[in-house]
Amino acid sequence: MPQYCLYASGSIPSLIRYDRLFENLPALCPQLSRRGRPPIGKDVLLKALIYRNLRGMSSLVDLEGELNNNSSMLYTLGLDPLRRAPSDERFSDFLRSSPNIMLQNIHTALVKDLIQEGVITGDTFTFDSCPIEATVKQNNLKTSVKDRYDKTQVPQGDQEARLGVNIHVPSPFQKRIHYFWGYRNHVITDTASELPVVEQTCPANKNEQKVALPLLRQLHQDFQLPIRAVTGDANYDTEAILDYIINHMNAEAVIPRNLRNTQHVPYTLRTGTPYCQAELPMYRKGKTKPRKITYCQYCCPLHWSKQFRGQYLTLPCWTPQVFQPEGLYRYVAPLPWCSYQDQVWNSTVSINI
């Protein structure tokens, strides 16, 4: 049977639309009474801030003016429409005093409700980040600031903002680099519904690769979704991220290879054994620890292996290092990702010394 609504989907009044939106928010702890002005509930302030973000208001003063001119919205938020709206100082105090874990718990509860309703299926996820510029004079090019992009001089208007870089490619083979002071929002999104599942805002100088791995752990441990694939750009092409997606999440990593991390070395790795340029399996001599990192030490088989010593007069590819007294040495990091990385990329896996 077809279901008929009182209002068409495109003409629902804002009073009903926001009321249906706010009723899904979990209740917050009531604020204890104290001396001074009577307190306003945290639920009311949170709803008003959500309304501000949905309307795209730039400041809290604009929110106060909007609520004073819209008495029906005051009623929807749970305020008295015959009295003035809370001042911008009330909203500012709520943002400063509220811990971030409280907002994260609200977000997690809403995501679990969406998973239970079948809106978020959890089949494929993608992770990315976007820059957030702080409202400081260093970001305003009209102001005269000495050493605008000196990372050692933190802006006085925002002590937690850091210097970051935003790279934009408007057309092929063109790159525009923009420096800014602020933050960067890292988020993992469900590709089907385009809804954020986990997110974290860090200073702009925080490495994206170091933030992505804790977000993947949070996604896998908190929601237990049947994830089939995780996508991302080439910035997330690291050993730790690939290892966690493939071995721990049992998902497919759809991440392009970052060519900046690859360097040409004269050997290839096959099933855990390096082969030299002459396609000969290199001889395993032991372990070494240069620069406080443990490596597996491999050398030329013509000098250390009896199997190949009498078969070749010299190395077939005529590598100059073969004429050294002990032959050619290569150091390979004994990491667990070496076995599956060759299968995923289906190409030569190499580590420079």
Protein backbone atom coordinates (compact mmCIF):
# COMPACT_ATOMS: atom_id res chain seq x y z
CA MET A 1 0.00 0.00 0.00
CA PRO A 2 1.40 3.45 -0.84
CA GLN A 3 2.06 5.67 2.15
CA TYR A 4 0.76 9.24 2.04
CA CYS A 5 2.43 12.06 4.01
CA LEU A 6 0.92 15.26 5.31
CA TYR A 7 3.60 17.24 3.53
CA ALA A 8 5.54 16.68 0.35
CA SER A 9 9.21 15.80 0.79
CA GLY A 10 10.35 19.13 -0.64
CA SER A 11 7.91 21.38 1.23
CA ILE A 12 8.18 20.25 4.86
CA PRO A 13 8.15 23.30 7.17
CA SER A 14 11.43 24.04 8.90
CA LEU A 15 9.78 23.76 12.30
CA ILE A 16 8.89 20.11 11.68
CA ARG A 17 12.11 19.34 9.84
CA TYR A 18 14.40 20.50 12.66
CA ASP A 19 12.16 18.98 15.30
CA ARG A 20 12.51 15.54 13.67
CA LEU A 21 16.26 16.07 13.45
CA PHE A 22 16.79 17.07 17.08
CA GLU A 23 14.69 14.27 18.55
CA ASN A 24 17.33 11.71 17.54
CA LEU A 25 20.06 13.33 19.64
CA PRO A 26 20.95 11.50 22.88
CA ALA A 27 20.29 13.39 26.10
CA LEU A 28 23.22 15.12 27.78
CA CYS A 29 23.86 15.40 31.50
CA PRO A 30 21.96 18.37 32.99
CA GLN A 31 24.04 21.33 34.07
CA LEU A 32 24.24 21.85 37.82
CA SER A 33 22.84 25.10 39.21
CA ARG A 34 25.31 27.71 40.35
CA ARG A 35 25.35 31.30 41.39
CA GLY A 36 24.64 33.93 38.81
CA ARG A 37 22.40 33.67 35.79
CA PRO A 38 20.11 30.61 35.59
CA PRO A 39 21.79 27.87 33.57
CA ILE A 40 20.64 26.82 30.12
CA GLY A 41 20.49 23.12 29.30
CA LYS A 42 23.36 21.63 27.32
CA ASP A 43 20.89 19.97 24.98
CA VAL A 44 19.50 23.37 24.00
CA LEU A 45 22.92 24.84 23.33
CA LEU A 46 23.99 21.80 21.32
CA LYS A 47 20.86 21.96 19.15
CA ALA A 48 21.43 25.67 18.54
CA LEU A 49 25.04 25.06 17.46
CA ILE A 50 23.91 22.30 15.09
CA TYR A 51 21.36 24.71 13.64
CA ARG A 52 24.13 27.27 13.16
CA ASN A 53 26.30 24.80 11.20
CA LEU A 54 23.37 23.72 9.03
CA ARG A 55 22.58 27.33 8.15
CA GLY A 56 26.24 28.17 7.49
CA MET A 57 26.54 31.03 9.99
CA SER A 58 30.07 32.32 10.40
CA SER A 59 29.92 33.56 14.00
CA LEU A 60 28.02 33.08 17.24
CA VAL A 61 26.75 36.66 17.06
CA ASP A 62 24.93 35.77 13.84
CA LEU A 63 23.36 32.80 15.62
CA GLU A 64 22.10 35.02 18.43
CA GLY A 65 20.57 37.47 15.97
CA GLU A 66 18.95 34.68 13.94
CA LEU A 67 17.28 33.16 17.01
CA ASN A 68 16.00 36.54 18.24
CA ASN A 69 14.33 37.11 14.86
CA ASN A 70 12.91 33.58 14.61
CA SER A 71 10.71 32.80 17.60
CA SER A 72 9.48 29.52 16.09
CA MET A 73 13.07 28.23 16.12
CA LEU A 74 13.36 29.09 19.82
CA TYR A 75 10.35 26.89 20.49
CA THR A 76 11.90 24.03 18.49
CA LEU A 77 15.12 24.27 20.49
CA GLY A 78 13.21 24.13 23.79
CA LEU A 79 13.42 27.81 24.72
CA ASP A 80 10.75 30.34 25.58
CA PRO A 81 9.80 32.11 22.34
CA LEU A 82 8.68 35.19 24.31
CA ARG A 83 12.13 35.79 25.79
CA ARG A 84 15.46 36.67 24.24
CA ALA A 85 17.78 33.98 22.91
CA PRO A 86 20.96 33.02 24.82
CA SER A 87 23.85 35.41 24.26
CA ASP A 88 26.93 34.50 22.27
CA GLU A 89 28.88 34.30 25.54
CA ARG A 90 26.70 31.35 26.60
CA PHE A 91 27.51 29.45 23.41
CA SER A 92 31.20 30.31 23.68
CA ASP A 93 31.34 29.09 27.28
CA PHE A 94 29.64 25.82 26.24
CA LEU A 95 32.24 25.23 23.51
CA ARG A 96 35.15 25.91 25.86
CA SER A 97 33.89 23.88 28.81
CA SER A 98 32.54 20.84 26.94
CA PRO A 99 35.11 18.04 26.47
CA ASN A 100 35.58 16.60 23.02
CA ILE A 101 34.83 13.08 24.26
CA MET A 102 31.23 14.15 24.96
CA LEU A 103 30.69 15.14 21.33
CA GLN A 104 32.47 11.99 20.13
CA ASN A 105 30.11 9.84 22.20
CA ILE A 106 27.13 11.57 20.60
CA HIS A 107 28.56 10.93 17.16
CA THR A 108 29.23 7.27 17.95
CA ALA A 109 25.69 6.76 19.26
CA LEU A 110 24.19 8.29 16.11
CA VAL A 111 26.40 6.12 13.88
CA LYS A 112 25.30 2.97 15.71
CA ASP A 113 21.65 3.96 15.21
CA LEU A 114 22.28 4.46 11.49
CA ILE A 115 23.95 1.04 11.29
CA GLN A 116 21.00 -0.56 13.05
CA GLU A 117 18.57 1.13 10.64
CA GLY A 118 20.59 -0.11 7.66
CA VAL A 119 21.59 3.35 6.42
CA ILE A 120 25.31 2.59 6.88
CA THR A 121 26.08 -0.84 5.47
CA GLY A 122 29.84 -0.83 6.14
CA ASP A 123 30.76 -2.50 2.88
CA THR A 124 33.31 0.04 1.60
CA PHE A 125 34.97 2.93 3.38
CA THR A 126 37.24 5.73 2.24
CA PHE A 127 39.44 8.04 4.27
CA ASP A 128 40.67 11.52 3.48
CA SER A 129 41.40 14.87 5.13
CA CYS A 130 40.53 18.51 4.52
CA PRO A 131 42.23 21.74 5.72
CA ILE A 132 40.60 24.12 8.21
CA GLU A 133 42.07 27.61 8.23
CA ALA A 134 42.11 29.45 11.54
CA THR A 135 40.79 33.00 11.80
CA VAL A 136 44.18 34.63 12.43
CA LYS A 137 45.86 37.57 10.72
CA GLN A 138 48.59 35.32 9.29
CA ASN A 139 45.97 33.79 6.95
CA ASN A 140 44.76 37.22 5.79
CA LEU A 141 46.99 38.27 2.91
CA LYS A 142 45.81 41.88 3.23
CA THR A 143 47.55 42.27 6.57
CA SER A 144 51.21 43.14 6.93
CA VAL A 145 52.87 40.37 8.96
CA LYS A 146 56.59 39.75 9.24
CA ASP A 147 57.59 36.12 8.65
CA ARG A 148 54.01 35.09 7.90
CA TYR A 149 54.88 31.43 7.36
CA ASP A 150 57.54 30.97 10.02
CA LYS A 151 56.49 27.77 11.79
CA THR A 152 58.37 28.73 14.97
CA GLN A 153 56.16 31.81 15.51
CA VAL A 154 52.74 30.53 16.60
CA PRO A 155 49.86 33.01 15.98
CA GLN A 156 48.71 34.82 19.08
CA GLY A 157 45.07 34.55 18.03
CA ASP A 158 45.15 30.73 18.10
CA GLN A 159 47.91 29.08 20.11
CA GLU A 160 46.97 25.56 18.96
CA ALA A 161 47.02 26.29 15.21
CA ARG A 162 50.01 25.03 13.25
CA LEU A 163 51.44 25.67 9.81
CA GLY A 164 50.17 23.34 7.11
CA VAL A 165 50.24 23.00 3.35
CA ASN A 166 47.40 22.43 0.90
CA ILE A 167 48.26 21.17 -2.61
CA HIS A 168 45.74 21.74 -5.39
CA VAL A 169 46.01 20.38 -8.94
CA PRO A 170 43.65 22.47 -11.13
CA SER A 171 44.76 20.74 -14.34
CA PRO A 172 47.21 17.99 -15.34
CA PHE A 173 50.88 18.80 -14.73
CA GLN A 174 49.95 21.92 -12.75
CA LYS A 175 50.36 22.19 -9.01
CA ARG A 176 49.39 25.02 -6.68
CA ILE A 177 50.80 25.06 -3.15
CA HIS A 178 49.07 27.09 -0.46
CA TYR A 179 50.40 27.49 3.09
CA PHE A 180 48.02 28.23 5.95
CA TRP A 181 47.75 28.29 9.73
CA GLY A 182 45.07 26.05 11.18
CA TYR A 183 43.98 22.45 11.46
CA ARG A 184 43.15 19.42 9.35
CA ASN A 185 40.07 17.24 9.73
CA HIS A 186 40.68 13.51 9.15
CA VAL A 187 37.59 11.41 8.46
CA ILE A 188 36.63 7.88 7.37
CA THR A 189 33.40 7.92 5.35
CA ASP A 190 30.97 5.23 4.27
CA THR A 191 31.04 5.35 0.47
CA ALA A 192 27.42 4.24 -0.02
CA SER A 193 25.75 6.80 2.26
CA GLU A 194 28.60 9.37 2.23
CA LEU A 195 28.26 9.74 6.00
CA PRO A 196 31.32 10.14 8.28
CA VAL A 197 31.81 7.22 10.65
CA VAL A 198 34.96 8.25 12.55
CA GLU A 199 36.74 11.58 12.49
CA GLN A 200 39.49 13.49 14.26
CA THR A 201 40.68 17.10 14.00
CA CYS A 202 44.41 17.67 14.50
CA PRO A 203 46.83 20.56 13.95
CA ALA A 204 47.71 21.15 10.32
CA ASN A 205 51.27 19.87 10.70
CA LYS A 206 50.11 16.42 11.85
CA ASN A 207 51.05 13.68 9.39
CA GLU A 208 48.02 12.12 7.68
CA GLN A 209 49.56 8.66 7.79
CA LYS A 210 49.96 8.73 11.58
CA VAL A 211 46.33 9.76 12.07
CA ALA A 212 44.82 7.25 9.63
CA LEU A 213 45.98 4.13 11.49
CA PRO A 214 44.28 4.99 14.85
CA LEU A 215 41.09 5.87 12.95
CA LEU A 216 41.15 2.48 11.23
CA ARG A 217 41.56 0.74 14.59
CA GLN A 218 38.63 2.73 16.00
CA LEU A 219 36.47 1.85 12.99
CA HIS A 220 37.29 -1.86 13.26
CA GLN A 221 36.97 -2.19 17.03
CA ASP A 222 33.97 0.03 17.83
CA PHE A 223 31.52 -0.99 15.09
CA GLN A 224 32.52 -4.53 13.95
CA LEU A 225 31.28 -4.02 10.39
CA PRO A 226 31.75 -6.52 7.51
CA ILE A 227 34.19 -4.30 5.66
CA ARG A 228 35.03 -5.49 2.17
CA ALA A 229 37.35 -2.71 0.94
CA VAL A 230 39.02 0.47 2.16
CA THR A 231 39.99 3.15 -0.35
CA GLY A 232 42.28 6.15 -0.14
CA ASP A 233 44.74 8.25 -2.09
CA ALA A 234 48.47 7.67 -2.49
CA ASN A 235 49.30 9.54 0.73
CA TYR A 236 48.15 6.50 2.72
CA ASP A 237 50.45 4.06 0.94
CA THR A 238 52.44 2.93 3.99
CA GLU A 239 53.46 -0.44 5.38
CA ALA A 240 51.49 -0.13 8.63
CA ILE A 241 48.22 0.92 6.97
CA LEU A 242 48.37 -1.82 4.34
CA ASP A 243 49.22 -4.43 6.97
CA TYR A 244 46.28 -3.46 9.20
CA ILE A 245 43.73 -3.36 6.36
CA ILE A 246 44.75 -6.69 4.84
CA ASN A 247 45.79 -8.79 7.84
CA HIS A 248 43.62 -7.41 10.66
CA MET A 249 40.50 -6.10 8.92
CA ASN A 250 40.58 -8.85 6.23
CA ALA A 251 39.63 -6.26 3.63
CA GLU A 252 40.97 -5.15 0.27
CA ALA A 253 43.20 -2.08 0.24
CA VAL A 254 42.35 0.02 -2.82
CA ILE A 255 45.22 2.48 -2.45
CA PRO A 256 47.39 3.59 -5.38
CA ARG A 257 51.10 3.15 -5.07
CA ASN A 258 52.96 6.26 -3.97
CA LEU A 259 55.81 6.66 -6.44
CA ARG A 260 57.55 9.12 -4.14
CA ASN A 261 58.20 6.29 -1.66
CA THR A 262 59.80 4.00 -4.27
CA GLN A 263 63.44 4.09 -5.21
CA HIS A 264 65.26 2.04 -7.81
CA VAL A 265 67.53 -0.58 -6.26
CA PRO A 266 69.37 -3.36 -8.13
CA TYR A 267 67.43 -6.28 -6.66
CA THR A 268 63.90 -7.67 -6.45
CA LEU A 269 62.11 -9.52 -3.67
CA ARG A 270 60.32 -12.80 -4.44
CA THR A 271 58.68 -14.88 -1.73
CA GLY A 272 60.90 -13.31 0.89
CA THR A 273 64.21 -13.91 -0.96
CA PRO A 274 66.03 -11.06 -2.76
CA TYR A 275 67.37 -11.65 -6.26
CA CYS A 276 70.25 -9.64 -7.70
CA GLN A 277 70.37 -8.07 -11.17
CA ALA A 278 71.62 -11.34 -12.59
CA GLU A 279 68.46 -13.11 -11.33
CA LEU A 280 70.48 -15.11 -8.79
CA PRO A 281 69.15 -15.67 -5.24
CA MET A 282 71.34 -13.67 -2.87
CA TYR A 283 73.10 -15.43 0.01
CA ARG A 284 71.73 -14.81 3.52
CA LYS A 285 74.68 -13.90 5.72
CA GLY A 286 72.94 -12.78 8.92
CA LYS A 287 71.53 -9.70 10.59
CA THR A 288 72.96 -6.25 11.10
CA LYS A 289 71.76 -3.15 12.95
CA PRO A 290 72.92 0.08 11.25
CA ARG A 291 71.21 3.30 12.42
CA LYS A 292 69.51 1.32 15.25
CA ILE A 293 67.29 -0.59 12.75
CA THR A 294 67.55 -4.36 12.34
CA TYR A 295 68.09 -5.52 8.73
CA CYS A 296 68.64 -8.89 7.10
CA GLN A 297 72.05 -8.86 5.39
CA TYR A 298 72.32 -10.45 1.93
CA CYS A 299 75.40 -10.64 -0.27
CA CYS A 300 76.48 -11.84 -3.71
CA PRO A 301 76.14 -15.65 -4.11
CA LEU A 302 79.31 -15.85 -6.25
CA HIS A 303 81.48 -15.04 -3.21
CA TRP A 304 79.63 -16.86 -0.43
CA SER A 305 77.66 -19.73 -1.98
CA LYS A 306 79.38 -22.88 -3.21
CA GLN A 307 76.43 -23.61 -5.48
CA PHE A 308 77.24 -20.68 -7.83
CA ARG A 309 80.97 -20.23 -7.16
CA GLY A 310 82.12 -22.48 -9.96
CA GLN A 311 79.41 -21.70 -12.49
CA TYR A 312 80.24 -18.07 -13.33
CA LEU A 313 83.54 -16.31 -13.85
CA THR A 314 81.97 -13.02 -12.84
CA LEU A 315 78.50 -11.61 -12.35
CA PRO A 316 76.57 -11.82 -15.68
CA CYS A 317 75.30 -8.23 -15.50
CA TRP A 318 78.83 -6.85 -14.84
CA THR A 319 78.01 -4.93 -11.68
CA PRO A 320 81.11 -2.97 -10.59
CA GLN A 321 80.61 -3.89 -6.91
CA VAL A 322 81.20 -7.56 -7.69
CA PHE A 323 84.96 -6.92 -7.96
CA GLN A 324 85.10 -5.84 -4.32
CA PRO A 325 86.73 -8.35 -1.91
CA GLU A 326 83.45 -9.42 -0.31
CA GLY A 327 81.07 -8.79 -3.20
CA LEU A 328 77.80 -6.86 -3.23
CA TYR A 329 75.82 -6.32 0.00
CA ARG A 330 72.14 -5.47 0.39
CA TYR A 331 70.12 -4.79 3.56
CA VAL A 332 66.44 -5.83 3.66
CA ALA A 333 64.07 -4.91 6.49
CA PRO A 334 62.59 -8.15 7.94
CA LEU A 335 58.99 -6.87 8.17
CA PRO A 336 55.84 -9.03 7.95
CA TRP A 337 54.42 -6.98 5.05
CA CYS A 338 57.08 -8.17 2.57
CA SER A 339 55.20 -11.37 1.75
CA TYR A 340 51.81 -9.86 0.87
CA GLN A 341 53.05 -6.60 -0.64
CA ASP A 342 54.53 -8.49 -3.59
CA GLN A 343 51.15 -10.19 -4.16
CA VAL A 344 49.05 -7.03 -3.85
CA TRP A 345 51.18 -4.79 -6.05
CA ASN A 346 52.30 -7.62 -8.40
CA SER A 347 55.56 -5.82 -8.99
CA THR A 348 59.11 -5.67 -7.72
CA VAL A 349 59.35 -4.78 -4.04
CA SER A 350 62.59 -3.11 -3.07
CA ILE A 351 64.09 -1.29 -0.12
CA ASN A 352 67.04 1.02 -0.58
CA ILE A 353 70.08 0.77 1.64
